[in-house]
Amino acid sequence: MEISIINNDNVYIHVDKIYDLMMDNLGYSKTFKLTGGTHCAALCDEDKVISICEDVARHNAVDKLIGEAFIKNIYLKDKIIFVSSRVSFEMVYKIARLGVPIIISKSAPTSLSIEFAKALNVTLIGFVRGERMNVYTNPQRII
């Protein structure tokens, strides 16, 4: 199945908001606070968390988030997805197919996910911890 290159360079996020929204993402994770055994995925705009989903499997957390966005008829091409887990090629694939231009993770992306994000013009950020992060691809969306 073909995927279009993300052409939306009009979506931006301020660097301080990345840190704030990552904290909000993890702060809403009630099950993780209790057990330490879940992954979180959050749909955000440039200012706030819109929706958050958890699951013991990282892919399922993202799938739940996508499903909820479809049920609520949320426009995704100007949104940002935050995850608490590693970012795999498959995650980038399914998120890019929806036109989401920015993926941000508390953890690391795989090398294949970095290559794929670069090819599709997706901004991929990882290791967001405290006030540090690694920008792997397409930094033009960070202000």
N, C-alpha and C. Protein backbone atom coordinates (compact mmCIF):
# COMPACT_ATOMS: atom_id res chain seq x y z
N MET A 1 0.83 -1.17 0.00
CA MET A 1 0.00 0.00 0.00
C MET A 1 0.88 1.24 0.00
N GLU A 2 0.58 2.20 -0.86
CA GLU A 2 1.38 3.41 -0.98
C GLU A 2 1.04 4.41 0.11
N ILE A 3 2.06 5.19 0.47
CA ILE A 3 1.89 6.26 1.44
C ILE A 3 2.37 7.54 0.80
N SER A 4 1.62 8.60 0.97
CA SER A 4 2.03 9.89 0.44
C SER A 4 3.01 10.56 1.38
N ILE A 5 3.89 11.34 0.81
CA ILE A 5 4.81 12.14 1.62
C ILE A 5 4.00 13.23 2.31
N ILE A 6 4.28 13.44 3.59
CA ILE A 6 3.58 14.47 4.36
C ILE A 6 3.98 15.84 3.80
N ASN A 7 2.99 16.59 3.35
CA ASN A 7 3.26 17.91 2.77
C ASN A 7 2.89 19.05 3.70
N ASN A 8 2.51 18.74 4.91
CA ASN A 8 2.05 19.77 5.83
C ASN A 8 3.20 20.30 6.67
N ASP A 9 3.85 21.34 6.17
CA ASP A 9 4.90 22.00 6.94
C ASP A 9 4.35 23.19 7.71
N ASN A 10 3.03 23.32 7.76
CA ASN A 10 2.40 24.41 8.51
C ASN A 10 2.08 24.02 9.94
N VAL A 11 2.42 22.82 10.33
CA VAL A 11 2.21 22.37 11.71
C VAL A 11 3.53 22.55 12.45
N TYR A 12 3.46 23.29 13.54
CA TYR A 12 4.65 23.57 14.35
C TYR A 12 4.38 23.25 15.80
N ILE A 13 5.45 23.02 16.54
CA ILE A 13 5.34 22.89 17.99
C ILE A 13 6.53 23.60 18.62
N HIS A 14 6.23 24.35 19.64
CA HIS A 14 7.29 25.06 20.37
C HIS A 14 8.03 24.06 21.24
N VAL A 15 9.33 24.22 21.33
CA VAL A 15 10.16 23.27 22.08
C VAL A 15 9.68 23.12 23.53
N ASP A 16 9.28 24.21 24.17
CA ASP A 16 8.79 24.12 25.56
C ASP A 16 7.51 23.30 25.66
N LYS A 17 6.67 23.39 24.62
CA LYS A 17 5.43 22.62 24.62
C LYS A 17 5.70 21.12 24.50
N ILE A 18 6.77 20.76 23.83
CA ILE A 18 7.13 19.34 23.73
C ILE A 18 7.33 18.78 25.13
N TYR A 19 8.09 19.49 25.95
CA TYR A 19 8.35 19.03 27.32
C TYR A 19 7.06 19.01 28.14
N ASP A 20 6.26 20.07 28.02
CA ASP A 20 5.01 20.15 28.79
C ASP A 20 4.04 19.04 28.40
N LEU A 21 3.86 18.84 27.10
CA LEU A 21 2.91 17.82 26.64
C LEU A 21 3.39 16.42 26.95
N MET A 22 4.69 16.19 26.94
CA MET A 22 5.20 14.87 27.32
C MET A 22 4.88 14.61 28.79
N MET A 23 5.04 15.61 29.63
CA MET A 23 4.70 15.46 31.05
C MET A 23 3.19 15.24 31.21
N ASP A 24 2.38 15.98 30.44
CA ASP A 24 0.93 15.78 30.49
C ASP A 24 0.56 14.38 30.04
N ASN A 25 1.18 13.91 28.97
CA ASN A 25 0.94 12.57 28.44
C ASN A 25 1.18 11.54 29.52
N LEU A 26 2.32 11.60 30.16
CA LEU A 26 2.66 10.62 31.18
C LEU A 26 1.88 10.87 32.46
N GLY A 27 1.52 12.11 32.73
CA GLY A 27 0.75 12.43 33.93
C GLY A 27 -0.66 11.87 33.90
N TYR A 28 -1.24 11.75 32.70
CA TYR A 28 -2.59 11.20 32.57
C TYR A 28 -2.61 9.68 32.64
N SER A 29 -1.47 9.07 32.59
CA SER A 29 -1.38 7.62 32.52
C SER A 29 -1.59 6.99 33.90
N LYS A 30 -2.84 6.80 34.24
CA LYS A 30 -3.18 6.29 35.58
C LYS A 30 -2.70 4.86 35.80
N THR A 31 -2.89 4.01 34.81
CA THR A 31 -2.49 2.61 34.97
C THR A 31 -0.98 2.50 35.09
N PHE A 32 -0.25 3.30 34.32
CA PHE A 32 1.21 3.26 34.42
C PHE A 32 1.66 3.69 35.81
N LYS A 33 1.02 4.70 36.36
CA LYS A 33 1.37 5.15 37.71
C LYS A 33 1.19 4.03 38.73
N LEU A 34 0.14 3.23 38.54
CA LEU A 34 -0.15 2.14 39.48
C LEU A 34 0.72 0.92 39.25
N THR A 35 1.00 0.61 38.00
CA THR A 35 1.65 -0.68 37.70
C THR A 35 3.03 -0.57 37.06
N GLY A 36 3.29 0.52 36.36
CA GLY A 36 4.54 0.63 35.62
C GLY A 36 4.58 -0.28 34.41
N GLY A 37 3.44 -0.86 34.03
CA GLY A 37 3.43 -1.88 32.99
C GLY A 37 2.60 -1.56 31.77
N THR A 38 2.37 -0.29 31.47
CA THR A 38 1.59 0.05 30.28
C THR A 38 2.33 1.07 29.43
N HIS A 39 1.88 1.15 28.19
CA HIS A 39 2.38 2.17 27.28
C HIS A 39 1.26 3.16 27.04
N CYS A 40 1.65 4.37 26.72
CA CYS A 40 0.73 5.47 26.53
C CYS A 40 0.88 6.03 25.13
N ALA A 41 -0.22 6.44 24.54
CA ALA A 41 -0.20 7.19 23.28
C ALA A 41 -1.17 8.35 23.44
N ALA A 42 -0.73 9.53 23.05
CA ALA A 42 -1.57 10.72 23.21
C ALA A 42 -1.66 11.48 21.90
N LEU A 43 -2.86 11.94 21.60
CA LEU A 43 -3.09 12.80 20.45
C LEU A 43 -3.15 14.23 20.96
N CYS A 44 -2.35 15.10 20.37
CA CYS A 44 -2.26 16.48 20.84
C CYS A 44 -2.32 17.44 19.66
N ASP A 45 -2.67 18.68 19.98
CA ASP A 45 -2.40 19.76 19.04
C ASP A 45 -1.20 20.50 19.59
N GLU A 46 -0.92 21.69 19.12
CA GLU A 46 0.29 22.38 19.57
C GLU A 46 0.19 22.89 21.00
N ASP A 47 -0.99 22.79 21.63
CA ASP A 47 -1.18 23.34 22.97
C ASP A 47 -1.61 22.35 24.04
N LYS A 48 -2.33 21.30 23.65
CA LYS A 48 -2.95 20.47 24.69
C LYS A 48 -3.12 19.02 24.24
N VAL A 49 -3.34 18.17 25.24
CA VAL A 49 -3.67 16.77 25.00
C VAL A 49 -5.15 16.70 24.63
N ILE A 50 -5.45 16.06 23.52
CA ILE A 50 -6.82 15.88 23.06
C ILE A 50 -7.38 14.55 23.53
N SER A 51 -6.55 13.51 23.43
CA SER A 51 -6.99 12.16 23.79
C SER A 51 -5.77 11.35 24.20
N ILE A 52 -5.99 10.39 25.09
CA ILE A 52 -4.90 9.53 25.54
C ILE A 52 -5.40 8.10 25.69
N CYS A 53 -4.59 7.14 25.27
CA CYS A 53 -4.95 5.72 25.39
C CYS A 53 -3.76 4.95 25.95
N GLU A 54 -4.07 3.89 26.69
CA GLU A 54 -3.04 3.04 27.29
C GLU A 54 -3.28 1.58 26.91
N ASP A 55 -2.21 0.82 26.91
CA ASP A 55 -2.32 -0.62 26.72
C ASP A 55 -0.99 -1.24 27.16
N VAL A 56 -1.01 -2.53 27.42
CA VAL A 56 0.23 -3.22 27.78
C VAL A 56 1.14 -3.37 26.56
N ALA A 57 0.58 -3.27 25.37
CA ALA A 57 1.36 -3.35 24.13
C ALA A 57 1.41 -1.97 23.48
N ARG A 58 2.59 -1.55 23.10
CA ARG A 58 2.76 -0.19 22.56
C ARG A 58 1.99 0.03 21.27
N HIS A 59 1.95 -0.97 20.41
CA HIS A 59 1.20 -0.82 19.16
C HIS A 59 -0.30 -0.72 19.43
N ASN A 60 -0.78 -1.45 20.40
CA ASN A 60 -2.20 -1.39 20.74
C ASN A 60 -2.59 -0.02 21.27
N ALA A 61 -1.71 0.61 22.04
CA ALA A 61 -2.00 1.96 22.55
C ALA A 61 -2.18 2.93 21.38
N VAL A 62 -1.31 2.84 20.38
CA VAL A 62 -1.43 3.70 19.19
C VAL A 62 -2.69 3.35 18.41
N ASP A 63 -2.97 2.06 18.23
CA ASP A 63 -4.17 1.65 17.50
C ASP A 63 -5.44 2.13 18.19
N LYS A 64 -5.48 2.06 19.51
CA LYS A 64 -6.64 2.57 20.26
C LYS A 64 -6.81 4.07 20.02
N LEU A 65 -5.71 4.78 20.05
CA LEU A 65 -5.75 6.23 19.85
C LEU A 65 -6.28 6.58 18.46
N ILE A 66 -5.79 5.87 17.46
CA ILE A 66 -6.25 6.09 16.08
C ILE A 66 -7.74 5.77 15.96
N GLY A 67 -8.15 4.65 16.54
CA GLY A 67 -9.56 4.28 16.51
C GLY A 67 -10.45 5.31 17.17
N GLU A 68 -10.02 5.81 18.31
CA GLU A 68 -10.80 6.84 19.01
C GLU A 68 -10.90 8.11 18.17
N ALA A 69 -9.81 8.48 17.51
CA ALA A 69 -9.83 9.67 16.65
C ALA A 69 -10.82 9.49 15.50
N PHE A 70 -10.87 8.29 14.92
CA PHE A 70 -11.84 8.03 13.85
C PHE A 70 -13.27 8.08 14.36
N ILE A 71 -13.51 7.47 15.51
CA ILE A 71 -14.86 7.47 16.08
C ILE A 71 -15.33 8.89 16.36
N LYS A 72 -14.42 9.73 16.85
CA LYS A 72 -14.76 11.12 17.18
C LYS A 72 -14.62 12.06 15.99
N ASN A 73 -14.25 11.51 14.83
CA ASN A 73 -14.10 12.28 13.60
C ASN A 73 -13.13 13.45 13.77
N ILE A 74 -11.98 13.17 14.37
CA ILE A 74 -10.95 14.19 14.61
C ILE A 74 -10.06 14.30 13.37
N TYR A 75 -9.88 15.50 12.90
CA TYR A 75 -8.96 15.77 11.78
C TYR A 75 -7.54 15.56 12.29
N LEU A 76 -6.74 14.75 11.60
CA LEU A 76 -5.44 14.35 12.11
C LEU A 76 -4.24 15.02 11.45
N LYS A 77 -4.42 15.65 10.31
CA LYS A 77 -3.28 16.15 9.56
C LYS A 77 -2.61 17.37 10.19
N ASP A 78 -3.19 17.91 11.25
CA ASP A 78 -2.55 19.01 11.97
C ASP A 78 -2.28 18.64 13.43
N LYS A 79 -2.23 17.34 13.70
CA LYS A 79 -2.04 16.86 15.07
C LYS A 79 -0.65 16.29 15.28
N ILE A 80 -0.37 15.98 16.53
CA ILE A 80 0.91 15.43 16.97
C ILE A 80 0.60 14.19 17.80
N ILE A 81 1.38 13.13 17.62
CA ILE A 81 1.20 11.94 18.45
C ILE A 81 2.43 11.77 19.34
N PHE A 82 2.15 11.65 20.64
CA PHE A 82 3.18 11.38 21.65
C PHE A 82 3.05 9.92 22.06
N VAL A 83 4.17 9.24 22.26
CA VAL A 83 4.15 7.87 22.78
C VAL A 83 5.19 7.74 23.89
N SER A 84 4.92 6.81 24.79
CA SER A 84 5.86 6.59 25.90
C SER A 84 6.86 5.49 25.57
N SER A 85 6.69 4.87 24.42
CA SER A 85 7.49 3.68 24.07
C SER A 85 8.48 3.97 22.95
N ARG A 86 9.24 2.93 22.60
CA ARG A 86 10.07 3.01 21.41
C ARG A 86 9.17 3.21 20.19
N VAL A 87 9.70 3.84 19.18
CA VAL A 87 8.94 4.06 17.94
C VAL A 87 9.47 3.10 16.88
N SER A 88 8.61 2.21 16.45
CA SER A 88 8.99 1.23 15.43
C SER A 88 8.62 1.73 14.04
N PHE A 89 9.16 1.06 13.04
CA PHE A 89 8.81 1.33 11.65
C PHE A 89 7.30 1.22 11.45
N GLU A 90 6.68 0.20 12.05
CA GLU A 90 5.25 -0.01 11.88
C GLU A 90 4.44 1.15 12.44
N MET A 91 4.88 1.71 13.56
CA MET A 91 4.19 2.87 14.13
C MET A 91 4.27 4.06 13.18
N VAL A 92 5.46 4.34 12.68
CA VAL A 92 5.62 5.45 11.75
C VAL A 92 4.75 5.22 10.52
N TYR A 93 4.72 4.00 10.03
CA TYR A 93 3.92 3.65 8.85
C TYR A 93 2.44 3.97 9.06
N LYS A 94 1.87 3.46 10.15
CA LYS A 94 0.43 3.67 10.36
C LYS A 94 0.10 5.13 10.68
N ILE A 95 0.98 5.82 11.40
CA ILE A 95 0.73 7.22 11.73
C ILE A 95 0.89 8.10 10.49
N ALA A 96 1.90 7.83 9.68
CA ALA A 96 2.12 8.61 8.45
C ALA A 96 0.97 8.41 7.46
N ARG A 97 0.41 7.23 7.40
CA ARG A 97 -0.73 6.99 6.50
C ARG A 97 -1.90 7.89 6.81
N LEU A 98 -1.99 8.33 8.06
CA LEU A 98 -3.07 9.23 8.48
C LEU A 98 -2.73 10.70 8.23
N GLY A 99 -1.49 10.97 7.86
CA GLY A 99 -1.08 12.34 7.59
C GLY A 99 -0.60 13.11 8.79
N VAL A 100 -0.40 12.43 9.92
CA VAL A 100 0.10 13.10 11.13
C VAL A 100 1.57 13.47 10.90
N PRO A 101 1.93 14.76 11.02
CA PRO A 101 3.27 15.18 10.64
C PRO A 101 4.35 15.09 11.73
N ILE A 102 3.96 14.90 13.00
CA ILE A 102 4.94 14.90 14.09
C ILE A 102 4.69 13.72 15.02
N ILE A 103 5.75 12.96 15.31
CA ILE A 103 5.70 11.86 16.28
C ILE A 103 6.78 12.14 17.32
N ILE A 104 6.38 12.09 18.59
CA ILE A 104 7.30 12.39 19.69
C ILE A 104 7.26 11.26 20.70
N SER A 105 8.44 10.81 21.13
CA SER A 105 8.52 9.68 22.06
C SER A 105 9.42 9.99 23.24
N LYS A 106 9.08 9.37 24.35
CA LYS A 106 9.94 9.43 25.53
C LYS A 106 11.17 8.55 25.33
N SER A 107 11.05 7.59 24.43
CA SER A 107 12.09 6.59 24.23
C SER A 107 12.73 6.73 22.85
N ALA A 108 13.36 5.66 22.39
CA ALA A 108 14.13 5.69 21.15
C ALA A 108 13.32 5.22 19.95
N PRO A 109 13.62 5.75 18.78
CA PRO A 109 13.09 5.18 17.55
C PRO A 109 14.05 4.12 17.03
N THR A 110 13.55 3.19 16.24
CA THR A 110 14.43 2.23 15.58
C THR A 110 15.10 2.92 14.39
N SER A 111 16.18 2.35 13.91
CA SER A 111 16.87 2.95 12.76
C SER A 111 15.98 2.96 11.53
N LEU A 112 15.19 1.91 11.34
CA LEU A 112 14.29 1.86 10.19
C LEU A 112 13.18 2.91 10.31
N SER A 113 12.70 3.16 11.52
CA SER A 113 11.66 4.18 11.69
C SER A 113 12.22 5.57 11.37
N ILE A 114 13.48 5.80 11.69
CA ILE A 114 14.11 7.09 11.36
C ILE A 114 14.20 7.26 9.84
N GLU A 115 14.65 6.23 9.15
CA GLU A 115 14.75 6.29 7.69
C GLU A 115 13.39 6.54 7.05
N PHE A 116 12.39 5.84 7.54
CA PHE A 116 11.05 5.96 6.99
C PHE A 116 10.47 7.34 7.26
N ALA A 117 10.63 7.85 8.48
CA ALA A 117 10.14 9.18 8.83
C ALA A 117 10.80 10.25 7.96
N LYS A 118 12.09 10.10 7.74
CA LYS A 118 12.81 11.06 6.90
C LYS A 118 12.26 11.04 5.48
N ALA A 119 12.07 9.86 4.93
CA ALA A 119 11.57 9.73 3.56
C ALA A 119 10.16 10.29 3.39
N LEU A 120 9.36 10.21 4.45
CA LEU A 120 7.96 10.66 4.37
C LEU A 120 7.75 12.07 4.90
N ASN A 121 8.82 12.77 5.26
CA ASN A 121 8.75 14.14 5.78
C ASN A 121 8.00 14.21 7.11
N VAL A 122 8.13 13.18 7.92
CA VAL A 122 7.56 13.17 9.27
C VAL A 122 8.64 13.65 10.23
N THR A 123 8.28 14.55 11.13
CA THR A 123 9.20 14.97 12.18
C THR A 123 9.19 13.91 13.27
N LEU A 124 10.35 13.35 13.57
CA LEU A 124 10.46 12.28 14.57
C LEU A 124 11.41 12.74 15.67
N ILE A 125 10.89 12.76 16.89
CA ILE A 125 11.64 13.21 18.06
C ILE A 125 11.62 12.09 19.08
N GLY A 126 12.75 11.82 19.70
CA GLY A 126 12.82 10.78 20.72
C GLY A 126 13.61 11.22 21.94
N PHE A 127 13.60 10.35 22.93
CA PHE A 127 14.31 10.59 24.19
C PHE A 127 13.94 11.93 24.82
N VAL A 128 12.65 12.26 24.82
CA VAL A 128 12.20 13.49 25.47
C VAL A 128 12.15 13.20 26.97
N ARG A 129 13.12 13.77 27.66
CA ARG A 129 13.23 13.55 29.11
C ARG A 129 13.75 14.82 29.74
N GLY A 130 13.02 15.29 30.74
CA GLY A 130 13.40 16.56 31.35
C GLY A 130 13.32 17.65 30.30
N GLU A 131 14.40 18.35 30.10
CA GLU A 131 14.45 19.38 29.07
C GLU A 131 15.47 19.02 27.99
N ARG A 132 15.49 17.74 27.64
CA ARG A 132 16.38 17.25 26.58
C ARG A 132 15.58 16.40 25.62
N MET A 133 16.04 16.35 24.39
CA MET A 133 15.41 15.51 23.38
C MET A 133 16.36 15.36 22.21
N ASN A 134 16.10 14.34 21.41
CA ASN A 134 16.82 14.13 20.16
C ASN A 134 15.85 14.32 19.01
N VAL A 135 16.19 15.20 18.09
CA VAL A 135 15.38 15.40 16.89
C VAL A 135 16.05 14.61 15.77
N TYR A 136 15.35 13.59 15.29
CA TYR A 136 15.93 12.68 14.30
C TYR A 136 15.66 13.09 12.86
N THR A 137 14.49 13.66 12.62
CA THR A 137 14.13 14.01 11.24
C THR A 137 13.31 15.29 11.20
N ASN A 138 13.45 16.01 10.13
CA ASN A 138 12.61 17.16 9.78
C ASN A 138 12.38 18.15 10.93
N PRO A 139 13.44 18.81 11.38
CA PRO A 139 13.34 19.73 12.51
C PRO A 139 12.61 21.04 12.21
N GLN A 140 12.24 21.26 10.96
CA GLN A 140 11.60 22.52 10.59
C GLN A 140 10.27 22.77 11.31
N ARG A 141 9.68 21.75 11.90
CA ARG A 141 8.40 21.92 12.60
C ARG A 141 8.57 22.28 14.08
N ILE A 142 9.79 22.40 14.53
CA ILE A 142 10.04 22.73 15.94
C ILE A 142 10.49 24.19 16.00
N ILE A 143 9.80 24.97 16.82
CA ILE A 143 10.16 26.39 16.96
C ILE A 143 10.52 26.71 18.39
